Protein backbone atom coordinates (compact mmCIF):
# COMPACT_ATOMS: atom_id res chain seq x y z
CA MET A 1 29.74 -71.08 -8.29
CA LYS A 2 32.88 -69.44 -9.75
CA LYS A 3 31.08 -68.96 -13.08
CA ILE A 4 28.39 -66.89 -11.33
CA PHE A 5 30.74 -64.99 -9.03
CA LEU A 6 33.15 -63.80 -11.77
CA PRO A 7 30.55 -61.91 -13.90
CA LEU A 8 29.05 -60.43 -10.72
CA LEU A 9 32.47 -59.19 -9.62
CA ILE A 10 33.11 -57.64 -13.04
CA PHE A 11 29.69 -55.91 -13.05
CA THR A 12 30.20 -54.55 -9.51
CA SER A 13 33.66 -53.25 -10.41
CA LEU A 14 32.33 -51.49 -13.50
CA THR A 15 29.49 -49.92 -11.50
CA VAL A 16 31.82 -48.64 -8.78
CA PHE A 17 34.20 -47.30 -11.42
CA ASP A 18 31.34 -45.50 -13.14
CA VAL A 19 30.21 -43.82 -9.89
CA ALA A 20 33.73 -42.92 -8.74
CA LYS A 21 34.94 -41.89 -12.17
CA ALA A 22 37.14 -38.80 -12.15
CA VAL A 23 35.35 -35.65 -13.28
CA ALA A 24 36.47 -32.76 -15.43
CA GLN A 25 35.82 -29.09 -14.90
CA ASN A 26 32.14 -28.15 -15.27
CA ASP A 27 30.97 -31.79 -15.12
CA ILE A 28 29.15 -30.63 -11.99
CA ILE A 29 27.97 -27.01 -12.12
CA ILE A 30 26.37 -24.56 -9.72
CA ASN A 31 23.03 -24.39 -11.56
CA GLU A 32 20.67 -22.17 -9.53
CA ILE A 33 20.72 -20.14 -6.28
CA ALA A 34 17.98 -18.62 -4.11
CA TRP A 35 19.99 -16.06 -2.14
CA MET A 36 16.88 -14.07 -1.14
CA GLY A 37 14.62 -16.93 -0.02
CA ASN A 38 11.14 -17.39 -1.43
CA THR A 39 7.63 -15.99 -0.96
CA ASN A 40 7.29 -17.77 2.40
CA SER A 41 10.44 -16.40 4.04
CA ILE A 42 13.61 -14.51 3.12
CA ASN A 43 15.49 -17.16 5.14
CA ASN A 44 14.46 -20.00 2.80
CA GLU A 45 17.71 -19.97 0.82
CA TRP A 46 18.94 -22.88 -1.29
CA ILE A 47 21.63 -23.87 -3.82
CA GLU A 48 21.25 -26.34 -6.69
CA LEU A 49 24.03 -28.35 -8.39
CA LYS A 50 23.61 -30.18 -11.74
CA ASN A 51 25.37 -33.21 -13.21
CA THR A 52 26.04 -32.44 -16.90
CA THR A 53 27.51 -35.88 -17.65
CA SER A 54 26.14 -39.34 -18.49
CA ASN A 55 27.67 -40.83 -15.32
CA ILE A 56 26.54 -41.07 -11.72
CA ILE A 57 29.02 -39.01 -9.67
CA ASN A 58 29.89 -39.62 -6.02
CA LEU A 59 30.11 -36.31 -4.12
CA ASP A 60 31.61 -37.71 -0.88
CA GLY A 61 34.41 -35.38 0.21
CA TRP A 62 33.51 -32.61 -2.24
CA LEU A 63 33.54 -29.03 -0.93
CA LEU A 64 31.18 -26.16 -1.74
CA LYS A 65 32.25 -22.89 -0.14
CA THR A 66 32.22 -19.12 -0.37
CA THR A 67 35.56 -17.47 -1.08
CA ASP A 68 35.40 -15.68 2.28
CA ASN A 69 34.96 -19.13 3.95
CA LYS A 70 31.85 -18.00 5.83
CA ILE A 71 30.03 -20.97 4.28
CA LYS A 72 31.88 -24.31 3.94
CA VAL A 73 29.86 -27.41 3.05
CA TYR A 74 31.42 -30.88 2.73
CA LEU A 75 29.05 -32.84 0.51
CA THR A 76 27.94 -36.46 0.72
CA GLY A 77 25.92 -38.80 -1.48
CA GLN A 78 25.58 -39.13 -5.24
CA ILE A 79 24.20 -37.00 -8.04
CA PRO A 80 22.43 -38.95 -10.81
CA ILE A 81 23.03 -38.78 -14.56
CA GLN A 82 21.90 -35.33 -15.80
CA GLY A 83 20.36 -34.94 -12.35
CA PHE A 84 20.25 -32.33 -9.61
CA TYR A 85 21.58 -32.02 -6.04
CA LEU A 86 19.66 -29.64 -3.74
CA LEU A 87 21.20 -27.94 -0.68
CA GLU A 88 18.72 -26.22 1.66
CA ARG A 89 19.63 -23.75 4.40
CA THR A 90 19.05 -24.69 8.08
CA ASP A 91 16.22 -27.21 7.52
CA ASP A 92 14.23 -29.09 4.88
CA ASP A 93 11.47 -26.46 4.81
CA SER A 94 13.30 -24.01 2.53
CA VAL A 95 11.82 -25.71 -0.56
CA PRO A 96 8.31 -27.04 0.21
CA ASN A 97 7.42 -30.56 -0.99
CA ILE A 98 10.96 -31.28 -2.25
CA THR A 99 13.39 -33.29 -0.11
CA ALA A 100 16.82 -31.75 0.29
CA ASP A 101 19.94 -33.75 -0.55
CA PHE A 102 21.91 -31.77 2.01
CA ILE A 103 21.16 -29.29 4.84
CA TYR A 104 23.70 -26.50 5.39
CA LYS A 105 24.04 -23.44 7.61
CA GLY A 106 24.97 -19.88 6.71
CA ALA A 107 23.36 -17.03 4.75
CA LEU A 108 24.32 -15.81 1.28
CA ASN A 109 25.01 -12.08 0.98
CA ASN A 110 22.22 -10.11 -0.68
CA SER A 111 24.73 -7.73 -2.26
CA GLY A 112 26.78 -10.48 -3.91
CA GLN A 113 28.88 -13.58 -3.28
CA SER A 114 31.53 -15.85 -4.80
CA LEU A 115 30.94 -19.63 -4.66
CA GLU A 116 33.44 -22.38 -5.51
CA LEU A 117 32.94 -26.14 -5.95
CA TYR A 118 35.91 -28.52 -5.40
CA ASP A 119 36.09 -32.30 -5.90
CA ASN A 120 37.56 -34.70 -3.31
CA ALA A 121 41.02 -34.14 -4.80
CA ASN A 122 40.70 -30.39 -4.14
CA ASN A 123 40.34 -29.56 -7.85
CA LEU A 124 38.20 -26.53 -8.70
CA ILE A 125 35.27 -27.97 -10.70
CA ASN A 126 32.99 -24.93 -11.02
CA ASP A 127 32.67 -21.43 -9.60
CA LEU A 128 30.20 -18.57 -9.57
CA ALA A 129 30.67 -14.90 -8.73
CA PHE A 130 27.66 -12.61 -8.71
CA THR A 131 27.18 -8.97 -7.76
CA LEU A 132 23.68 -7.75 -6.94
CA ASN A 133 22.00 -4.73 -5.45
CA TRP A 134 18.45 -5.89 -4.88
CA PRO A 135 16.87 -5.47 -1.44
CA ALA A 136 16.31 -8.55 0.68
CA GLY A 137 12.67 -9.38 1.21
CA ASP A 138 11.51 -8.42 -2.29
CA ASN A 139 9.21 -11.41 -2.61
CA THR A 140 7.62 -10.37 -5.89
CA THR A 141 10.49 -10.76 -8.39
CA LYS A 142 14.11 -11.84 -8.65
CA GLN A 143 14.06 -14.56 -6.00
CA THR A 144 16.57 -16.82 -7.79
CA MET A 145 19.30 -16.76 -10.42
CA GLU A 146 19.71 -19.68 -12.80
CA ARG A 147 22.20 -20.79 -15.43
CA THR A 148 21.07 -20.76 -19.07
CA ASP A 149 22.03 -23.31 -21.71
CA THR A 150 24.72 -20.90 -22.93
CA GLY A 151 26.28 -20.66 -19.47
CA ALA A 152 25.02 -17.12 -18.79
CA TRP A 153 22.99 -16.25 -15.70
CA GLN A 154 19.45 -14.87 -15.58
CA THR A 155 16.66 -14.32 -13.10
CA SER A 156 14.10 -17.11 -12.98
CA ASP A 157 10.66 -16.79 -14.60
CA SER A 158 9.16 -18.83 -11.75
CA PRO A 159 8.27 -16.90 -8.54
CA ASN A 160 10.19 -19.41 -6.42
CA GLY A 161 12.70 -20.67 -8.99
CA THR A 162 12.93 -24.21 -10.38
CA PRO A 163 14.55 -26.38 -7.67
CA LYS A 164 15.43 -29.91 -8.90
CA ALA A 165 13.86 -29.13 -12.28
CA LYS A 166 14.81 -27.74 -15.68
CA ASN A 167 15.59 -24.04 -15.58
CA SER A 168 13.41 -21.43 -17.29
CA SER A 169 13.40 -21.47 -21.08
CA ARG A 170 13.94 -17.76 -21.71
CA THR A 171 17.47 -16.50 -22.31
CA ILE A 172 19.10 -13.14 -21.80
CA GLU A 173 22.42 -11.58 -22.65
CA SER A 174 25.40 -12.51 -20.51
CA PRO A 175 25.94 -10.32 -17.43
CA PRO A 176 28.23 -7.32 -18.11
CA THR A 177 31.90 -7.66 -17.33
CA GLN A 178 33.39 -5.64 -14.50
CA LYS A 179 34.73 -3.05 -16.98
CA GLU A 180 31.30 -2.69 -18.60
CA ALA A 181 29.71 -2.26 -15.19
CA ASP A 182 32.24 0.44 -14.28
CA VAL A 183 31.47 2.31 -17.52
CA GLU A 184 27.77 2.16 -16.81
CA ILE A 185 28.29 3.54 -13.32
CA LYS A 186 30.42 6.42 -14.67
CA ILE A 187 27.76 7.31 -17.23
CA ASN A 188 25.11 7.42 -14.51
CA VAL A 189 27.30 9.68 -12.38
CA GLU A 190 28.01 12.04 -15.26
CA SER A 191 24.33 12.30 -16.16
CA GLN A 192 23.66 13.27 -12.50
CA GLU A 193 20.42 11.34 -12.48
CA THR A 194 19.05 10.95 -8.99
CA PRO A 195 17.96 7.33 -8.35
CA ASP A 196 14.41 6.76 -7.18
CA ILE A 197 14.34 6.26 -3.42
CA LYS A 198 11.12 4.81 -2.12
CA VAL A 199 9.70 6.66 0.89
CA TYR A 200 7.56 4.63 3.26
CA PRO A 201 4.77 6.41 5.18
CA SER A 202 4.90 6.69 8.95
CA GLY A 203 1.91 5.92 11.11
CA VAL A 204 1.74 2.13 10.62
CA LEU A 205 2.52 0.78 14.08
CA LEU A 206 2.48 -2.20 16.38
CA ASN A 207 -0.66 -1.65 18.45
CA GLU A 208 -1.45 -4.66 20.65
CA ILE A 209 0.04 -8.12 21.33
CA ILE A 210 -0.85 -11.06 23.58
CA PRO A 211 2.10 -13.30 24.49
CA ALA A 212 0.37 -15.41 27.21
CA PRO A 213 -3.25 -15.96 26.14
CA GLU A 214 -5.83 -18.15 27.82
CA GLY A 215 -5.46 -21.66 26.42
CA SER A 216 -2.83 -22.73 23.90
CA ASP A 217 -0.10 -20.20 23.04
CA GLU A 218 0.43 -21.98 19.70
CA THR A 219 -3.08 -21.12 18.47
CA ASN A 220 -4.19 -18.11 20.54
CA GLU A 221 -1.26 -15.68 20.34
CA TRP A 222 -1.79 -12.70 18.01
CA ILE A 223 -0.19 -9.43 16.92
CA GLU A 224 -2.15 -6.32 15.95
CA ILE A 225 -0.93 -3.68 13.46
CA TYR A 226 -2.67 -0.30 13.23
CA ASN A 227 -2.72 2.25 10.39
CA LEU A 228 -3.51 5.60 12.04
CA ASN A 229 -3.32 7.45 8.71
CA ASN A 230 -6.38 8.66 6.79
CA PHE A 231 -5.16 6.90 3.64
CA THR A 232 -4.45 3.32 2.55
CA VAL A 233 -0.89 2.02 3.03
CA ASP A 234 0.57 -0.90 1.04
CA ILE A 235 2.77 -2.95 3.43
CA SER A 236 3.78 -5.61 0.89
CA GLY A 237 7.37 -6.65 1.62
CA TRP A 238 7.29 -5.26 5.18
CA SER A 239 8.19 -7.83 7.83
CA LEU A 240 7.80 -8.79 11.48
CA GLN A 241 10.69 -10.30 13.45
CA ASP A 242 11.09 -11.40 17.07
CA LYS A 243 14.51 -11.38 18.74
CA GLU A 244 14.43 -13.94 21.56
CA GLY A 245 14.56 -17.74 21.46
CA SER A 246 13.68 -19.17 18.06
CA ILE A 247 13.94 -16.07 15.83
CA THR A 248 11.31 -15.96 13.07
CA ILE A 249 10.76 -13.47 10.24
CA TYR A 250 7.31 -13.05 8.69
CA VAL A 251 7.13 -11.12 5.41
CA PHE A 252 3.83 -9.53 4.40
CA PRO A 253 2.82 -10.98 1.02
CA LYS A 254 2.13 -9.03 -2.15
CA GLU A 255 -1.01 -6.84 -2.21
CA THR A 256 -1.20 -6.56 1.59
CA LYS A 257 -2.86 -3.18 2.17
CA LEU A 258 -4.12 -1.47 5.33
CA GLN A 259 -7.10 0.82 4.93
CA ALA A 260 -7.27 4.14 6.76
CA ASP A 261 -7.73 3.66 10.54
CA GLU A 262 -7.62 -0.14 10.09
CA TYR A 263 -6.58 -2.66 12.77
CA PHE A 264 -4.92 -5.75 11.24
CA ILE A 265 -4.68 -9.01 13.23
CA LEU A 266 -1.96 -11.62 12.59
CA LYS A 267 -2.27 -14.94 14.42
CA ARG A 268 0.67 -17.15 15.37
CA PRO A 269 -0.30 -20.06 13.04
CA GLU A 270 0.07 -17.60 10.15
CA THR A 271 3.27 -15.77 11.15
CA LYS A 272 4.96 -18.70 12.98
CA ILE A 273 6.29 -16.03 15.39
CA THR A 274 6.47 -17.16 19.04
CA LEU A 275 6.03 -14.38 21.62
CA ASN A 276 8.00 -15.65 24.63
CA ASN A 277 6.26 -15.23 27.99
CA ASP A 278 9.38 -14.27 29.97
CA LYS A 279 10.69 -11.59 27.59
CA ASP A 280 10.86 -10.75 23.91
CA THR A 281 11.27 -7.94 21.37
CA LEU A 282 9.15 -7.56 18.24
CA ASP A 283 10.16 -5.33 15.32
CA LEU A 284 8.07 -4.04 12.41
CA ILE A 285 10.62 -3.66 9.59
CA LEU A 286 10.41 -1.75 6.30
CA PRO A 287 11.71 -3.35 3.08
CA ASN A 288 14.77 -1.05 3.29
CA LYS A 289 15.59 -2.65 6.68
CA GLU A 290 14.63 0.44 8.70
CA ILE A 291 12.63 -0.36 11.84
CA ALA A 292 9.20 1.25 11.61
CA ASP A 293 8.19 0.31 15.16
CA SER A 294 9.43 -1.91 17.98
CA ILE A 295 8.15 -3.31 21.28
CA SER A 296 10.01 -5.03 24.14
CA TYR A 297 8.46 -6.57 27.24
CA LYS A 298 9.20 -8.81 30.24
CA ASN A 299 7.08 -11.24 32.29
CA ALA A 300 3.83 -11.25 30.30
CA PRO A 301 0.79 -11.58 32.62
CA LYS A 302 -1.61 -14.42 31.86
CA ASN A 303 -4.39 -13.49 29.42
CA GLN A 304 -3.44 -9.80 29.29
CA SER A 305 -2.53 -7.88 26.15
CA TYR A 306 0.22 -5.28 25.81
CA ASN A 307 -1.28 -2.06 24.43
CA LYS A 308 0.36 0.99 22.85
CA ILE A 309 -0.50 4.24 24.66
CA TYR A 310 -0.92 7.18 22.29
CA PRO A 311 -0.31 10.87 23.09
CA VAL A 312 -3.16 13.36 23.00
CA ARG A 313 -3.64 14.48 19.39
CA ASN A 314 -5.06 17.94 18.76
CA GLU A 315 -4.84 18.55 15.03
CA VAL A 316 -4.28 16.65 11.83
CA SER A 317 -1.83 17.65 9.10
CA ASN A 318 -1.16 15.60 5.96
CA GLY A 319 -2.99 12.62 7.37
CA ALA A 320 -1.10 12.46 10.72
CA PRO A 321 -1.56 14.45 13.96
CA SER A 322 0.52 17.63 14.09
CA ASP A 323 2.01 16.73 17.47
CA TRP A 324 2.72 13.12 16.43
CA PRO A 325 6.51 12.48 16.20
CA THR A 326 7.79 12.38 12.61
CA SER A 327 10.71 10.12 13.48
CA ASN A 328 9.99 6.39 13.58
CA ALA A 329 12.40 5.96 16.50
CA SER A 330 10.82 8.68 18.66
CA ARG A 331 7.40 7.05 18.46
CA ASN A 332 8.76 4.07 20.39
CA ASP A 333 8.82 6.20 23.56
CA VAL A 334 5.05 6.71 23.61
CA GLY A 335 4.56 3.92 26.14
CA TRP A 336 2.89 0.54 26.57
CA GLN A 337 0.51 -0.83 29.19
CA TRP A 338 -0.71 -4.33 30.10
CA SER A 339 -4.50 -4.63 30.12
CA LYS A 340 -7.08 -7.28 30.95
CA ASN A 341 -9.32 -5.87 28.23
CA LEU A 342 -8.40 -7.63 24.98
CA THR A 343 -9.39 -5.52 21.96
CA PRO A 344 -8.35 -7.30 18.74
CA GLY A 345 -9.54 -5.29 15.75
CA MET A 346 -10.62 -2.31 17.91
CA LYS A 347 -9.07 0.73 19.60
CA ASN A 348 -7.25 -0.06 22.83
CA ASN A 349 -9.24 -0.12 26.08
CA ILE A 350 -6.61 -0.05 28.80
CA THR A 351 -7.28 -1.25 32.36
CA ILE A 352 -5.01 0.37 35.00
CA ASN A 353 -5.38 -0.74 38.65
CA ASN A 354 -8.78 -2.32 37.95
CA THR A 355 -10.09 1.01 36.61
CA THR A 356 -10.89 1.42 32.94
CA ALA A 357 -9.18 4.59 31.66
CA VAL A 358 -10.25 5.36 28.12
CA LEU A 359 -10.13 8.98 27.00
CA SER A 360 -11.42 9.91 23.57
CA LYS A 361 -11.01 13.07 21.54
CA SER A 362 -12.89 14.02 18.40
CA ILE A 363 -10.50 15.15 15.68
CA LYS A 364 -10.92 16.26 12.10
CA VAL A 365 -9.36 13.92 9.53
CA GLY A 366 -8.93 15.71 6.21
CA ASN A 367 -12.34 16.49 4.74
CA ASN A 368 -13.96 13.52 6.48
CA ASP A 369 -16.33 13.60 9.41
CA ASN A 370 -15.00 13.68 12.98
CA VAL A 371 -13.42 10.41 14.09
CA ASN A 372 -13.09 9.31 17.73
CA MET A 373 -9.60 7.99 18.50
CA ALA A 374 -8.14 6.59 21.73
CA THR A 375 -5.93 9.16 23.44
CA VAL A 376 -4.92 7.43 26.66
CA ALA A 377 -1.58 8.57 28.06
CA ILE A 378 0.28 8.13 31.34
CA GLY A 379 0.18 11.91 31.85
CA ASP A 380 -3.62 11.80 31.64
CA THR A 381 -3.76 9.32 34.52
CA ILE A 382 -1.55 11.51 36.69
CA LYS A 383 -3.65 14.58 35.87
CA ILE A 384 -6.84 12.83 36.92
CA THR A 385 -5.23 11.81 40.23
CA LYS A 386 -4.11 15.39 41.00
CA GLN A 387 -7.49 16.89 40.24
CA SER A 388 -9.31 14.55 42.62
CA PHE A 389 -9.35 15.09 46.44
CA ASN A 390 -10.13 13.07 49.60
CA PRO A 391 -12.78 14.48 52.04
CA TRP A 392 -11.18 12.59 54.94
CA PHE A 393 -8.05 14.68 54.40
CA LEU A 394 -10.05 17.88 55.05
CA PHE A 395 -11.66 16.30 58.14
CA PHE A 396 -8.31 15.44 59.74
CA ILE A 397 -6.96 18.93 58.92
CA ALA A 398 -9.93 20.50 60.74
CA ILE A 399 -9.42 18.21 63.78
CA ALA A 400 -5.73 19.14 63.95
CA ILE A 401 -6.50 22.87 63.78
CA THR A 402 -9.13 22.51 66.54
CA ILE A 403 -6.75 20.64 68.85
CA ILE A 404 -3.92 23.15 68.34
CA SER A 405 -6.30 26.10 68.95
CA ALA A 406 -7.55 24.46 72.17
CA ILE A 407 -4.01 23.97 73.48
CA ILE A 408 -3.11 27.60 72.77
CA ILE A 409 -6.25 28.87 74.56
CA LEU A 410 -5.56 26.58 77.51
CA LEU A 411 -2.00 27.89 77.85
CA LEU A 412 -3.19 31.52 77.76
CA LYS A 413 -5.79 30.86 80.46
CA LEU A 414 -3.20 29.12 82.62
CA LYS A 415 -0.84 32.11 82.34
CA ILE A 416 -3.61 34.56 83.29
CA PHE A 417 -4.57 32.38 86.28
CA LYS A 418 -0.99 32.35 87.66
CA LYS A 419 -0.75 36.13 87.29
CA ASN A 420 -3.95 36.63 89.30
CA VAL A 421 -2.71 34.30 92.05
CA ARG A 422 0.52 36.32 92.51
CA SER A 423 -1.30 39.61 92.70
C-alpha cells in the first residue's frame, strides 16, 4: 500500500506545484478587449487574458482593475497552457456560443482606459493603456483591439474580434507614443484643417408604439419609426433605448435604410426592448449620442397604441415642411395620443372619445405628385368643437327671453291697473 501511495503523493505534489508555480511579468497578458461591444449590442463588452507559458496557472486571488478603480475584478479558476481566459460583462451573452470564465460588472470608457493585472501577491503582471476617439455604437469596424506577436496593439480583422482564439494574423506599426501623438495634434492645428463632422437628417421619428397589446407582451409589442422626408435616410448605427426597468439598447445594423415616407416596424423579439405598462421612456438616439426623438408615457391602456400627433403642414422646403421645427428637441412637444386604432406600417388613425379624427392635407413634395399626410393636431379638435353648435341651446335661450318678456308685460299691466283704481 505504501509503495502505491508514495508515487501518487509525489505526482500530486508536482501537479499542484505546476499549477501554483510563481509567475513572472507578462506570463499572463491582457490579450484582447471589446470596449465597444459587438454587432448585437454596444453593451456586449469583454476582456481576454492569455497564458504565454507552458504551465497551468491558478488565478485565484488575482486582480484585474482599471487605474481609476471603477472596475475591480478578483479572478478565480485556472488558465490552461497557452490558453485563454474570457471575462464577459454583466452576463454570458456578451460573446455568443462561447462560455465565459468570469462575469464582471462595469463599462470600459470609449475614449480610453488603463487596465492592470496583479497576481495574488499583488505583483503587477501586465498592464494596458489605450487612448481612443471612436464613437460608441460603430458596429461596422473597430469593435476590438488585440495584441500582435510583437506586443503592439491593432484593431481586429474579425467583425466581432477573436474571443478565446488566435488573434488576427495581420500586423501594424506600434501605436504612437504620447509625444508623437502631441506632434500630430499640433500639425493638424497648424494646418487649420476642419475635421469632417457628420450631419444626421431630421425627420426620422418615433411614430407609434404599443406597450400593452392583446395577448403576449413578449411577442406582440412593437415600435414604429417613420421617415417623413422625401428622400432615403440611412439609420445604420442609430439606436433605440428604454429607460425604465430592465434597460435595453438596440442598435440598427449596417445597411438599415428608410425610404421616403416609410413606416418601419420593430417587434420586441427583435429589439429585446420591453415597453413597461405602468410607465416608460423610449429614446431614438443618433450615433453621436444626440437624441433624435423621445417618448414618455404612463399607464398604457390595454390594446391601444400611442400615436404621434403632427402639426398642420402647409409647404415643403428641402424635403421637410416649412413650419416643421428644425430642432430635434422642439419636435418632442408635438403631442401624443392613445388610440384604439392600431396602424402598424400606415399613417396614424387616432380615436379620441370614440370619434375617429383624421384630417388629411395634400402637400407638394419636391417634384413628386401630391401626397396625403396625416395632420391631426389637438388644436384641430378644439377648432371643430368651437365651430359646432347645439340647437337645444337656442331653444332654451328663446324660452328664457319669452318668460322674461311676459313678466315685464305683466308688471306694466299691474302698474296701469293700480293707477286706474286710484283715479
